[in-house]
PDB file of N, CA and C in Angstrom:
ATOM      1  N   MET A   1      -2.057 -10.034   5.108  1.00  0.00           N
ATOM      2  CA  MET A   1      -2.178  -8.841   4.292  1.00  0.00           C
ATOM      3  C   MET A   1      -3.213  -7.939   4.948  1.00  0.00           C
ATOM      4  N   ALA A   2      -2.882  -6.667   5.061  1.00  0.00           N
ATOM      5  CA  ALA A   2      -3.784  -5.721   5.701  1.00  0.00           C
ATOM      6  C   ALA A   2      -3.955  -4.493   4.830  1.00  0.00           C
ATOM      7  N   SER A   3      -5.083  -3.855   4.991  1.00  0.00           N
ATOM      8  CA  SER A   3      -5.343  -2.568   4.366  1.00  0.00           C
ATOM      9  C   SER A   3      -4.998  -1.492   5.378  1.00  0.00           C
ATOM     10  N   SER A   4      -4.440  -0.406   4.911  1.00  0.00           N
ATOM     11  CA  SER A   4      -4.055   0.657   5.839  1.00  0.00           C
ATOM     12  C   SER A   4      -5.266   1.225   6.576  1.00  0.00           C
ATOM     13  N   ARG A   5      -6.465   1.076   6.029  1.00  0.00           N
ATOM     14  CA  ARG A   5      -7.676   1.554   6.715  1.00  0.00           C
ATOM     15  C   ARG A   5      -7.953   0.751   7.985  1.00  0.00           C
ATOM     16  N   GLN A   6      -7.437  -0.459   8.069  1.00  0.00           N
ATOM     17  CA  GLN A   6      -7.682  -1.338   9.214  1.00  0.00           C
ATOM     18  C   GLN A   6      -6.640  -1.192  10.309  1.00  0.00           C
ATOM     19  N   ILE A   7      -5.550  -0.517  10.031  1.00  0.00           N
ATOM     20  CA  ILE A   7      -4.402  -0.502  10.930  1.00  0.00           C
ATOM     21  C   ILE A   7      -4.483   0.673  11.896  1.00  0.00           C
ATOM     22  N   THR A   8      -4.405   0.357  13.186  1.00  0.00           N
ATOM     23  CA  THR A   8      -4.325   1.382  14.231  1.00  0.00           C
ATOM     24  C   THR A   8      -3.188   1.000  15.177  1.00  0.00           C
ATOM     25  N   GLU A   9      -2.740   1.962  15.964  1.00  0.00           N
ATOM     26  CA  GLU A   9      -1.686   1.680  16.938  1.00  0.00           C
ATOM     27  C   GLU A   9      -2.114   0.566  17.894  1.00  0.00           C
ATOM     28  N   GLU A  10      -3.358   0.626  18.344  1.00  0.00           N
ATOM     29  CA  GLU A  10      -3.856  -0.365  19.303  1.00  0.00           C
ATOM     30  C   GLU A  10      -3.865  -1.769  18.704  1.00  0.00           C
ATOM     31  N   LYS A  11      -4.341  -1.883  17.473  1.00  0.00           N
ATOM     32  CA  LYS A  11      -4.394  -3.200  16.830  1.00  0.00           C
ATOM     33  C   LYS A  11      -3.000  -3.773  16.617  1.00  0.00           C
ATOM     34  N   VAL A  12      -2.084  -2.922  16.179  1.00  0.00           N
ATOM     35  CA  VAL A  12      -0.713  -3.389  15.941  1.00  0.00           C
ATOM     36  C   VAL A  12      -0.074  -3.815  17.255  1.00  0.00           C
ATOM     37  N   ALA A  13      -0.264  -3.028  18.304  1.00  0.00           N
ATOM     38  CA  ALA A  13       0.315  -3.374  19.616  1.00  0.00           C
ATOM     39  C   ALA A  13      -0.229  -4.711  20.112  1.00  0.00           C
ATOM     40  N   LEU A  14      -1.530  -4.924  19.974  1.00  0.00           N
ATOM     41  CA  LEU A  14      -2.128  -6.199  20.398  1.00  0.00           C
ATOM     42  C   LEU A  14      -1.608  -7.365  19.558  1.00  0.00           C
ATOM     43  N   ALA A  15      -1.493  -7.139  18.264  1.00  0.00           N
ATOM     44  CA  ALA A  15      -1.006  -8.209  17.386  1.00  0.00           C
ATOM     45  C   ALA A  15       0.437  -8.572  17.707  1.00  0.00           C
ATOM     46  N   VAL A  16       1.279  -7.580  17.966  1.00  0.00           N
ATOM     47  CA  VAL A  16       2.674  -7.841  18.333  1.00  0.00           C
ATOM     48  C   VAL A  16       2.732  -8.584  19.664  1.00  0.00           C
ATOM     49  N   LYS A  17       1.907  -8.163  20.601  1.00  0.00           N
ATOM     50  CA  LYS A  17       1.865  -8.843  21.905  1.00  0.00           C
ATOM     51  C   LYS A  17       1.456 -10.310  21.750  1.00  0.00           C
ATOM     52  N   ALA A  18       0.615 -10.571  20.754  1.00  0.00           N
ATOM     53  CA  ALA A  18       0.154 -11.943  20.503  1.00  0.00           C
ATOM     54  C   ALA A  18       1.150 -12.747  19.666  1.00  0.00           C
ATOM     55  N   GLY A  19       2.246 -12.117  19.227  1.00  0.00           N
ATOM     56  CA  GLY A  19       3.276 -12.847  18.500  1.00  0.00           C
ATOM     57  C   GLY A  19       3.495 -12.435  17.057  1.00  0.00           C
ATOM     58  N   MET A  20       2.755 -11.465  16.567  1.00  0.00           N
ATOM     59  CA  MET A  20       2.975 -11.029  15.185  1.00  0.00           C
ATOM     60  C   MET A  20       4.340 -10.368  15.078  1.00  0.00           C
ATOM     61  N   TRP A  21       5.074 -10.715  14.043  1.00  0.00           N
ATOM     62  CA  TRP A  21       6.368 -10.079  13.828  1.00  0.00           C
ATOM     63  C   TRP A  21       6.454  -9.436  12.447  1.00  0.00           C
ATOM     64  N   ARG A  22       5.503  -9.786  11.563  1.00  0.00           N
ATOM     65  CA  ARG A  22       5.507  -9.241  10.202  1.00  0.00           C
ATOM     66  C   ARG A  22       4.085  -8.904   9.795  1.00  0.00           C
ATOM     67  N   ILE A  23       3.955  -7.786   9.070  1.00  0.00           N
ATOM     68  CA  ILE A  23       2.665  -7.406   8.519  1.00  0.00           C
ATOM     69  C   ILE A  23       2.868  -6.966   7.071  1.00  0.00           C
ATOM     70  N   ASP A  24       2.025  -7.443   6.198  1.00  0.00           N
ATOM     71  CA  ASP A  24       2.052  -7.070   4.789  1.00  0.00           C
ATOM     72  C   ASP A  24       0.928  -6.069   4.551  1.00  0.00           C
ATOM     73  N   VAL A  25       1.271  -4.950   3.941  1.00  0.00           N
ATOM     74  CA  VAL A  25       0.291  -3.893   3.708  1.00  0.00           C
ATOM     75  C   VAL A  25       0.179  -3.648   2.210  1.00  0.00           C
ATOM     76  N   GLY A  26      -1.038  -3.756   1.704  1.00  0.00           N
ATOM     77  CA  GLY A  26      -1.287  -3.508   0.284  1.00  0.00           C
ATOM     78  C   GLY A  26      -1.529  -2.033   0.039  1.00  0.00           C
ATOM     79  N   LEU A  27      -0.502  -1.332  -0.437  1.00  0.00           N
ATOM     80  CA  LEU A  27      -0.662   0.085  -0.777  1.00  0.00           C
ATOM     81  C   LEU A  27      -1.287   0.240  -2.164  1.00  0.00           C
ATOM     82  N   GLU A  28      -1.126  -0.746  -3.008  1.00  0.00           N
ATOM     83  CA  GLU A  28      -1.593  -0.774  -4.395  1.00  0.00           C
ATOM     84  C   GLU A  28      -0.783   0.178  -5.268  1.00  0.00           C
ATOM     85  N   SER A  29      -0.801   1.473  -4.917  1.00  0.00           N
ATOM     86  CA  SER A  29      -0.079   2.481  -5.692  1.00  0.00           C
ATOM     87  C   SER A  29       0.259   3.636  -4.766  1.00  0.00           C
ATOM     88  N   GLY A  30       1.313   4.354  -5.086  1.00  0.00           N
ATOM     89  CA  GLY A  30       1.647   5.554  -4.338  1.00  0.00           C
ATOM     90  C   GLY A  30       0.871   6.764  -4.826  1.00  0.00           C
ATOM     91  N   SER A  31       0.058   6.585  -5.844  1.00  0.00           N
ATOM     92  CA  SER A  31      -0.730   7.663  -6.418  1.00  0.00           C
ATOM     93  C   SER A  31      -2.187   7.543  -5.982  1.00  0.00           C
ATOM     94  N   GLU A  32      -2.687   8.593  -5.334  1.00  0.00           N
ATOM     95  CA  GLU A  32      -4.099   8.577  -4.932  1.00  0.00           C
ATOM     96  C   GLU A  32      -5.013   8.435  -6.136  1.00  0.00           C
ATOM     97  N   ARG A  33      -4.672   9.095  -7.241  1.00  0.00           N
ATOM     98  CA  ARG A  33      -5.508   9.020  -8.435  1.00  0.00           C
ATOM     99  C   ARG A  33      -5.605   7.589  -8.945  1.00  0.00           C
ATOM    100  N   THR A  34      -4.479   6.905  -8.992  1.00  0.00           N
ATOM    101  CA  THR A  34      -4.481   5.521  -9.465  1.00  0.00           C
ATOM    102  C   THR A  34      -5.283   4.637  -8.527  1.00  0.00           C
ATOM    103  N   ARG A  35      -5.087   4.796  -7.226  1.00  0.00           N
ATOM    104  CA  ARG A  35      -5.865   3.991  -6.276  1.00  0.00           C
ATOM    105  C   ARG A  35      -7.359   4.229  -6.453  1.00  0.00           C
ATOM    106  N   ARG A  36      -7.734   5.487  -6.589  1.00  0.00           N
ATOM    107  CA  ARG A  36      -9.152   5.850  -6.654  1.00  0.00           C
ATOM    108  C   ARG A  36      -9.773   5.499  -8.011  1.00  0.00           C
ATOM    109  N   GLU A  37      -9.148   5.936  -9.097  1.00  0.00           N
ATOM    110  CA  GLU A  37      -9.764   5.820 -10.421  1.00  0.00           C
ATOM    111  C   GLU A  37      -9.513   4.485 -11.111  1.00  0.00           C
ATOM    112  N   VAL A  38      -8.401   3.846 -10.834  1.00  0.00           N
ATOM    113  CA  VAL A  38      -8.070   2.592 -11.509  1.00  0.00           C
ATOM    114  C   VAL A  38      -8.438   1.386 -10.655  1.00  0.00           C
ATOM    115  N   PHE A  39      -8.047   1.413  -9.377  1.00  0.00           N
ATOM    116  CA  PHE A  39      -8.264   0.259  -8.510  1.00  0.00           C
ATOM    117  C   PHE A  39      -9.512   0.364  -7.637  1.00  0.00           C
ATOM    118  N   ASN A  40     -10.220   1.496  -7.719  1.00  0.00           N
ATOM    119  CA  ASN A  40     -11.407   1.711  -6.874  1.00  0.00           C
ATOM    120  C   ASN A  40     -11.096   1.524  -5.392  1.00  0.00           C
ATOM    121  N   ARG A  41      -9.928   1.992  -4.978  1.00  0.00           N
ATOM    122  CA  ARG A  41      -9.512   1.956  -3.577  1.00  0.00           C
ATOM    123  C   ARG A  41      -9.477   3.395  -3.086  1.00  0.00           C
ATOM    124  N   TYR A  42     -10.423   3.751  -2.257  1.00  0.00           N
ATOM    125  CA  TYR A  42     -10.555   5.134  -1.808  1.00  0.00           C
ATOM    126  C   TYR A  42      -9.805   5.338  -0.495  1.00  0.00           C
ATOM    127  N   VAL A  43      -8.485   5.287  -0.601  1.00  0.00           N
ATOM    128  CA  VAL A  43      -7.619   5.440   0.568  1.00  0.00           C
ATOM    129  C   VAL A  43      -6.691   6.624   0.309  1.00  0.00           C
ATOM    130  N   GLU A  44      -6.761   7.605   1.189  1.00  0.00           N
ATOM    131  CA  GLU A  44      -5.924   8.796   1.037  1.00  0.00           C
ATOM    132  C   GLU A  44      -4.495   8.511   1.503  1.00  0.00           C
ATOM    133  N   ASP A  45      -3.560   9.293   0.980  1.00  0.00           N
ATOM    134  CA  ASP A  45      -2.168   9.167   1.410  1.00  0.00           C
ATOM    135  C   ASP A  45      -2.060   9.319   2.926  1.00  0.00           C
ATOM    136  N   LYS A  46      -2.839  10.235   3.484  1.00  0.00           N
ATOM    137  CA  LYS A  46      -2.814  10.489   4.931  1.00  0.00           C
ATOM    138  C   LYS A  46      -3.102   9.203   5.710  1.00  0.00           C
ATOM    139  N   THR A  47      -4.057   8.424   5.252  1.00  0.00           N
ATOM    140  CA  THR A  47      -4.410   7.160   5.910  1.00  0.00           C
ATOM    141  C   THR A  47      -3.265   6.162   5.804  1.00  0.00           C
ATOM    142  N   GLN A  48      -2.648   6.099   4.638  1.00  0.00           N
ATOM    143  CA  GLN A  48      -1.513   5.189   4.425  1.00  0.00           C
ATOM    144  C   GLN A  48      -0.357   5.561   5.364  1.00  0.00           C
ATOM    145  N   LEU A  49      -0.085   6.855   5.479  1.00  0.00           N
ATOM    146  CA  LEU A  49       1.021   7.304   6.331  1.00  0.00           C
ATOM    147  C   LEU A  49       0.733   7.058   7.811  1.00  0.00           C
ATOM    148  N   GLN A  50      -0.508   7.246   8.229  1.00  0.00           N
ATOM    149  CA  GLN A  50      -0.880   6.977   9.619  1.00  0.00           C
ATOM    150  C   GLN A  50      -0.687   5.500   9.954  1.00  0.00           C
ATOM    151  N   ALA A  51      -1.028   4.632   9.016  1.00  0.00           N
ATOM    152  CA  ALA A  51      -0.840   3.198   9.237  1.00  0.00           C
ATOM    153  C   ALA A  51       0.641   2.867   9.365  1.00  0.00           C
ATOM    154  N   ALA A  52       1.459   3.457   8.510  1.00  0.00           N
ATOM    155  CA  ALA A  52       2.904   3.209   8.570  1.00  0.00           C
ATOM    156  C   ALA A  52       3.476   3.660   9.915  1.00  0.00           C
ATOM    157  N   LEU A  53       3.033   4.804  10.396  1.00  0.00           N
ATOM    158  CA  LEU A  53       3.513   5.293  11.698  1.00  0.00           C
ATOM    159  C   LEU A  53       3.071   4.370  12.827  1.00  0.00           C
ATOM    160  N   ALA A  54       1.857   3.873  12.754  1.00  0.00           N
ATOM    161  CA  ALA A  54       1.346   2.959  13.782  1.00  0.00           C
ATOM    162  C   ALA A  54       2.178   1.680  13.830  1.00  0.00           C
ATOM    163  N   ILE A  55       2.524   1.156  12.668  1.00  0.00           N
ATOM    164  CA  ILE A  55       3.330  -0.072  12.608  1.00  0.00           C
ATOM    165  C   ILE A  55       4.741   0.187  13.129  1.00  0.00           C
ATOM    166  N   ASN A  56       5.321   1.296  12.712  1.00  0.00           N
ATOM    167  CA  ASN A  56       6.710   1.585  13.082  1.00  0.00           C
ATOM    168  C   ASN A  56       6.898   1.895  14.558  1.00  0.00           C
ATOM    169  N   LYS A  57       5.824   2.153  15.276  1.00  0.00           N
ATOM    170  CA  LYS A  57       5.935   2.362  16.728  1.00  0.00           C
ATOM    171  C   LYS A  57       6.243   1.047  17.444  1.00  0.00           C
ATOM    172  N   GLN A  58       6.002  -0.051  16.777  1.00  0.00           N
ATOM    173  CA  GLN A  58       6.298  -1.375  17.339  1.00  0.00           C
ATOM    174  C   GLN A  58       7.604  -1.866  16.725  1.00  0.00           C
ATOM    175  N   GLU A  59       8.672  -1.778  17.469  1.00  0.00           N
ATOM    176  CA  GLU A  59       9.989  -2.130  16.943  1.00  0.00           C
ATOM    177  C   GLU A  59      10.088  -3.580  16.491  1.00  0.00           C
ATOM    178  N   GLN A  60       9.279  -4.465  17.072  1.00  0.00           N
ATOM    179  CA  GLN A  60       9.347  -5.882  16.728  1.00  0.00           C
ATOM    180  C   GLN A  60       8.679  -6.181  15.382  1.00  0.00           C
ATOM    181  N   ALA A  61       7.860  -5.254  14.892  1.00  0.00           N
ATOM    182  CA  ALA A  61       7.081  -5.508  13.674  1.00  0.00           C
ATOM    183  C   ALA A  61       7.870  -5.121  12.429  1.00  0.00           C
ATOM    184  N   VAL A  62       7.936  -6.047  11.494  1.00  0.00           N
ATOM    185  CA  VAL A  62       8.535  -5.804  10.189  1.00  0.00           C
ATOM    186  C   VAL A  62       7.376  -5.618   9.214  1.00  0.00           C
ATOM    187  N   VAL A  63       7.473  -4.597   8.374  1.00  0.00           N
ATOM    188  CA  VAL A  63       6.382  -4.324   7.444  1.00  0.00           C
ATOM    189  C   VAL A  63       6.875  -4.462   6.010  1.00  0.00           C
ATOM    190  N   TYR A  64       6.054  -5.094   5.182  1.00  0.00           N
ATOM    191  CA  TYR A  64       6.285  -5.203   3.747  1.00  0.00           C
ATOM    192  C   TYR A  64       5.143  -4.484   3.054  1.00  0.00           C
ATOM    193  N   TYR A  65       5.489  -3.516   2.204  1.00  0.00           N
ATOM    194  CA  TYR A  65       4.484  -2.776   1.451  1.00  0.00           C
ATOM    195  C   TYR A  65       4.397  -3.356   0.046  1.00  0.00           C
ATOM    196  N   PHE A  66       3.196  -3.579  -0.404  1.00  0.00           N
ATOM    197  CA  PHE A  66       2.992  -4.136  -1.732  1.00  0.00           C
ATOM    198  C   PHE A  66       2.470  -3.056  -2.672  1.00  0.00           C
ATOM    199  N   ILE A  67       3.234  -2.824  -3.720  1.00  0.00           N
ATOM    200  CA  ILE A  67       2.943  -1.817  -4.727  1.00  0.00           C
ATOM    201  C   ILE A  67       2.810  -2.544  -6.071  1.00  0.00           C
ATOM    202  N   ILE A  68       1.824  -2.188  -6.842  1.00  0.00           N
ATOM    203  CA  ILE A  68       1.644  -2.784  -8.166  1.00  0.00           C
ATOM    204  C   ILE A  68       2.400  -1.926  -9.176  1.00  0.00           C
ATOM    205  N   LEU A  69       3.335  -2.543  -9.876  1.00  0.00           N
ATOM    206  CA  LEU A  69       4.133  -1.861 -10.890  1.00  0.00           C
ATOM    207  C   LEU A  69       3.689  -2.302 -12.278  1.00  0.00           C
ATOM    208  N   GLY A  70       3.915  -1.464 -13.255  1.00  0.00           N
ATOM    209  CA  GLY A  70       3.600  -1.830 -14.633  1.00  0.00           C
ATOM    210  C   GLY A  70       2.129  -1.691 -14.969  1.00  0.00           C
ATOM    211  N   ASN A  71       1.417  -0.868 -14.236  1.00  0.00           N
ATOM    212  CA  ASN A  71       0.000  -0.646 -14.501  1.00  0.00           C
ATOM    213  C   ASN A  71      -0.134   0.198 -15.763  1.00  0.00           C
ATOM    214  N   PRO A  72      -0.788  -0.298 -16.792  1.00  0.00           N
ATOM    215  CA  PRO A  72      -0.875   0.457 -18.050  1.00  0.00           C
ATOM    216  C   PRO A  72      -1.721   1.723 -17.955  1.00  0.00           C
ATOM    217  N   TYR A  73      -2.480   1.892 -16.887  1.00  0.00           N
ATOM    218  CA  TYR A  73      -3.327   3.071 -16.735  1.00  0.00           C
ATOM    219  C   TYR A  73      -2.684   4.160 -15.895  1.00  0.00           C
ATOM    220  N   GLU A  74      -1.487   3.908 -15.385  1.00  0.00           N
ATOM    221  CA  GLU A  74      -0.775   4.939 -14.640  1.00  0.00           C
ATOM    222  C   GLU A  74      -0.093   5.880 -15.617  1.00  0.00           C
ATOM    223  N   GLU A  75      -0.181   7.152 -15.305  1.00  0.00           N
ATOM    224  CA  GLU A  75       0.466   8.176 -16.121  1.00  0.00           C
ATOM    225  C   GLU A  75       1.795   8.552 -15.479  1.00  0.00           C
ATOM    226  N   SER A  76       2.618   9.290 -16.203  1.00  0.00           N
ATOM    227  CA  SER A  76       3.932   9.689 -15.682  1.00  0.00           C
ATOM    228  C   SER A  76       3.809  10.405 -14.344  1.00  0.00           C
ATOM    229  N   GLN A  77       2.817  11.281 -14.214  1.00  0.00           N
ATOM    230  CA  GLN A  77       2.644  12.021 -12.962  1.00  0.00           C
ATOM    231  C   GLN A  77       2.292  11.073 -11.820  1.00  0.00           C
ATOM    232  N   ASP A  78       1.544  10.012 -12.107  1.00  0.00           N
ATOM    233  CA  ASP A  78       1.212   9.028 -11.075  1.00  0.00           C
ATOM    234  C   ASP A  78       2.469   8.359 -10.541  1.00  0.00           C
ATOM    235  N   LEU A  79       3.393   8.030 -11.436  1.00  0.00           N
ATOM    236  CA  LEU A  79       4.652   7.405 -11.013  1.00  0.00           C
ATOM    237  C   LEU A  79       5.473   8.376 -10.157  1.00  0.00           C
ATOM    238  N   LEU A  80       5.516   9.631 -10.562  1.00  0.00           N
ATOM    239  CA  LEU A  80       6.237  10.632  -9.772  1.00  0.00           C
ATOM    240  C   LEU A  80       5.572  10.833  -8.418  1.00  0.00           C
ATOM    241  N   ASP A  81       4.248  10.878  -8.387  1.00  0.00           N
ATOM    242  CA  ASP A  81       3.524  10.993  -7.119  1.00  0.00           C
ATOM    243  C   ASP A  81       3.819   9.787  -6.223  1.00  0.00           C
ATOM    244  N   GLY A  82       3.907   8.607  -6.836  1.00  0.00           N
ATOM    245  CA  GLY A  82       4.193   7.390  -6.076  1.00  0.00           C
ATOM    246  C   GLY A  82       5.567   7.420  -5.443  1.00  0.00           C
ATOM    247  N   ILE A  83       6.553   7.883  -6.193  1.00  0.00           N
ATOM    248  CA  ILE A  83       7.910   7.988  -5.658  1.00  0.00           C
ATOM    249  C   ILE A  83       7.950   8.997  -4.519  1.00  0.00           C
ATOM    250  N   SER A  84       7.303  10.133  -4.716  1.00  0.00           N
ATOM    251  CA  SER A  84       7.247  11.162  -3.677  1.00  0.00           C
ATOM    252  C   SER A  84       6.567  10.630  -2.418  1.00  0.00           C
ATOM    253  N   PHE A  85       5.484   9.884  -2.612  1.00  0.00           N
ATOM    254  CA  PHE A  85       4.762   9.312  -1.481  1.00  0.00           C
ATOM    255  C   PHE A  85       5.633   8.308  -0.722  1.00  0.00           C
ATOM    256  N   LEU A  86       6.298   7.420  -1.435  1.00  0.00           N
ATOM    257  CA  LEU A  86       7.136   6.411  -0.787  1.00  0.00           C
ATOM    258  C   LEU A  86       8.289   7.053  -0.008  1.00  0.00           C
ATOM    259  N   GLN A  87       8.755   8.193  -0.464  1.00  0.00           N
ATOM    260  CA  GLN A  87       9.828   8.889   0.249  1.00  0.00           C
ATOM    261  C   GLN A  87       9.347   9.418   1.599  1.00  0.00           C
ATOM    262  N   LYS A  88       8.040   9.593   1.759  1.00  0.00           N
ATOM    263  CA  LYS A  88       7.474  10.066   3.026  1.00  0.00           C
ATOM    264  C   LYS A  88       7.279   8.935   4.033  1.00  0.00           C
ATOM    265  N   MET A  89       7.324   7.696   3.568  1.00  0.00           N
ATOM    266  CA  MET A  89       7.101   6.555   4.444  1.00  0.00           C
ATOM    267  C   MET A  89       8.256   6.427   5.420  1.00  0.00           C
ATOM    268  N   SER A  90       7.919   6.008   6.627  1.00  0.00           N
ATOM    269  CA  SER A  90       8.941   5.825   7.657  1.00  0.00           C
ATOM    270  C   SER A  90       9.783   4.595   7.350  1.00  0.00           C
ATOM    271  N   PRO A  91      11.099   4.687   7.520  1.00  0.00           N
ATOM    272  CA  PRO A  91      11.930   3.501   7.339  1.00  0.00           C
ATOM    273  C   PRO A  91      11.684   2.511   8.471  1.00  0.00           C
ATOM    274  N   PRO A  92      11.926   1.247   8.324  1.00  0.00           N
ATOM    275  CA  PRO A  92      12.477   0.657   7.111  1.00  0.00           C
ATOM    276  C   PRO A  92      11.396   0.496   6.051  1.00  0.00           C
ATOM    277  N   LEU A  93      11.787   0.676   4.827  1.00  0.00           N
ATOM    278  CA  LEU A  93      10.860   0.551   3.705  1.00  0.00           C
ATOM    279  C   LEU A  93      11.305  -0.616   2.842  1.00  0.00           C
ATOM    280  N   LEU A  94      10.538  -1.661   2.873  1.00  0.00           N
ATOM    281  CA  LEU A  94      10.841  -2.858   2.096  1.00  0.00           C
ATOM    282  C   LEU A  94       9.693  -3.082   1.104  1.00  0.00           C
ATOM    283  N   PRO A  95       9.741  -2.408  -0.047  1.00  0.00           N
ATOM    284  CA  PRO A  95       8.609  -2.525  -0.958  1.00  0.00           C
ATOM    285  C   PRO A  95       8.825  -3.555  -2.062  1.00  0.00           C
ATOM    286  N   PRO A  96       8.397  -4.797  -1.851  1.00  0.00           N
ATOM    287  CA  PRO A  96       8.472  -5.725  -2.979  1.00  0.00           C
ATOM    288  C   PRO A  96       7.435  -5.318  -4.015  1.00  0.00           C
ATOM    289  N   GLY A  97       7.878  -5.067  -5.217  1.00  0.00           N
ATOM    290  CA  GLY A  97       6.956  -4.651  -6.271  1.00  0.00           C
ATOM    291  C   GLY A  97       6.237  -5.845  -6.874  1.00  0.00           C
ATOM    292  N   LEU A  98       5.016  -5.638  -7.226  1.00  0.00           N
ATOM    293  CA  LEU A  98       4.234  -6.668  -7.892  1.00  0.00           C
ATOM    294  C   LEU A  98       3.955  -6.218  -9.310  1.00  0.00           C
ATOM    295  N   GLN A  99       4.215  -7.076 -10.250  1.00  0.00           N
ATOM    296  CA  GLN A  99       3.933  -6.774 -11.647  1.00  0.00           C
ATOM    297  C   GLN A  99       2.453  -7.005 -11.898  1.00  0.00           C
ATOM    298  N   SER A 100       1.830  -6.088 -12.618  1.00  0.00           N
ATOM    299  CA  SER A 100       0.422  -6.276 -12.959  1.00  0.00           C
ATOM    300  C   SER A 100       0.263  -7.544 -13.781  1.00  0.00           C
ATOM    301  N   ARG A 101      -0.746  -8.309 -13.465  1.00  0.00           N
ATOM    302  CA  ARG A 101      -1.062  -9.502 -14.236  1.00  0.00           C
ATOM    303  C   ARG A 101      -2.424  -9.321 -14.872  1.00  0.00           C
ATOM    304  N   VAL A 102      -2.557  -9.808 -16.064  1.00  0.00           N
ATOM    305  CA  VAL A 102      -3.833  -9.702 -16.752  1.00  0.00           C
ATOM    306  C   VAL A 102      -4.722 -10.851 -16.298  1.00  0.00           C
ATOM    307  N   HIS A 103      -5.843 -10.502 -15.753  1.00  0.00           N
ATOM    308  CA  HIS A 103      -6.830 -11.499 -15.334  1.00  0.00           C
ATOM    309  C   HIS A 103      -8.190 -10.936 -15.673  1.00  0.00           C
ATOM    310  N   SER A 104      -8.950 -11.638 -16.451  1.00  0.00           N
ATOM    311  CA  SER A 104     -10.180 -11.111 -17.040  1.00  0.00           C
ATOM    312  C   SER A 104     -11.230 -10.680 -16.027  1.00  0.00           C
ATOM    313  N   ARG A 105     -11.163 -11.159 -14.792  1.00  0.00           N
ATOM    314  CA  ARG A 105     -12.206 -10.790 -13.840  1.00  0.00           C
ATOM    315  C   ARG A 105     -11.978  -9.418 -13.210  1.00  0.00           C
ATOM    316  N   TYR A 106     -10.794  -8.843 -13.367  1.00  0.00           N
ATOM    317  CA  TYR A 106     -10.520  -7.545 -12.776  1.00  0.00           C
ATOM    318  C   TYR A 106     -11.109  -6.438 -13.631  1.00  0.00           C
ATOM    319  N   GLN A 107     -11.747  -5.488 -12.962  1.00  0.00           N
ATOM    320  CA  GLN A 107     -12.401  -4.391 -13.648  1.00  0.00           C
ATOM    321  C   GLN A 107     -11.397  -3.600 -14.509  1.00  0.00           C
ATOM    322  N   VAL A 108     -10.175  -3.446 -14.015  1.00  0.00           N
ATOM    323  CA  VAL A 108      -9.180  -2.700 -14.756  1.00  0.00           C
ATOM    324  C   VAL A 108      -8.899  -3.364 -16.106  1.00  0.00           C
ATOM    325  N   VAL A 109      -8.965  -4.684 -16.174  1.00  0.00           N
ATOM    326  CA  VAL A 109      -8.762  -5.395 -17.437  1.00  0.00           C
ATOM    327  C   VAL A 109      -9.970  -5.186 -18.340  1.00  0.00           C
ATOM    328  N   GLN A 110     -11.154  -5.234 -17.764  1.00  0.00           N
ATOM    329  CA  GLN A 110     -12.366  -5.019 -18.549  1.00  0.00           C
ATOM    330  C   GLN A 110     -12.356  -3.631 -19.185  1.00  0.00           C
ATOM    331  N   GLN A 111     -11.815  -2.626 -18.479  1.00  0.00           N
ATOM    332  CA  GLN A 111     -11.721  -1.279 -19.032  1.00  0.00           C
ATOM    333  C   GLN A 111     -10.865  -1.277 -20.284  1.00  0.00           C
ATOM    334  N   GLY A 112      -9.804  -2.042 -20.270  1.00  0.00           N
ATOM    335  CA  GLY A 112      -8.883  -2.080 -21.405  1.00  0.00           C
ATOM    336  C   GLY A 112      -9.397  -2.854 -22.593  1.00  0.00           C
ATOM    337  N   LEU A 113     -10.380  -3.722 -22.351  1.00  0.00           N
ATOM    338  CA  LEU A 113     -10.913  -4.518 -23.446  1.00  0.00           C
ATOM    339  C   LEU A 113     -11.976  -3.787 -24.137  1.00  0.00           C
TER     340      LEU A 113
END
């Protein structure tokens, strides 16, 4: 699992050369507001897109994007922003969705309590 902030063309090329064939990227949400205000992940869409382009330059690399679905703090506009953002991602796009799970140690759960 990688964060898009860690992904560069050079790192991906070296990893593929060393035998990597798959990389999992945690996008968390397609909405910058949700990433920033709910998940405390300060990653801009621009950074996410740059990482996707870096990965897609390596034809041998398969990428899986992880998106959290069912977040009770996402608003309708966040979902629309997320769809719009995902449409900008370079194919192939294989986004296995993750359902939010309630776990008391997560700050987002503490906010709801």
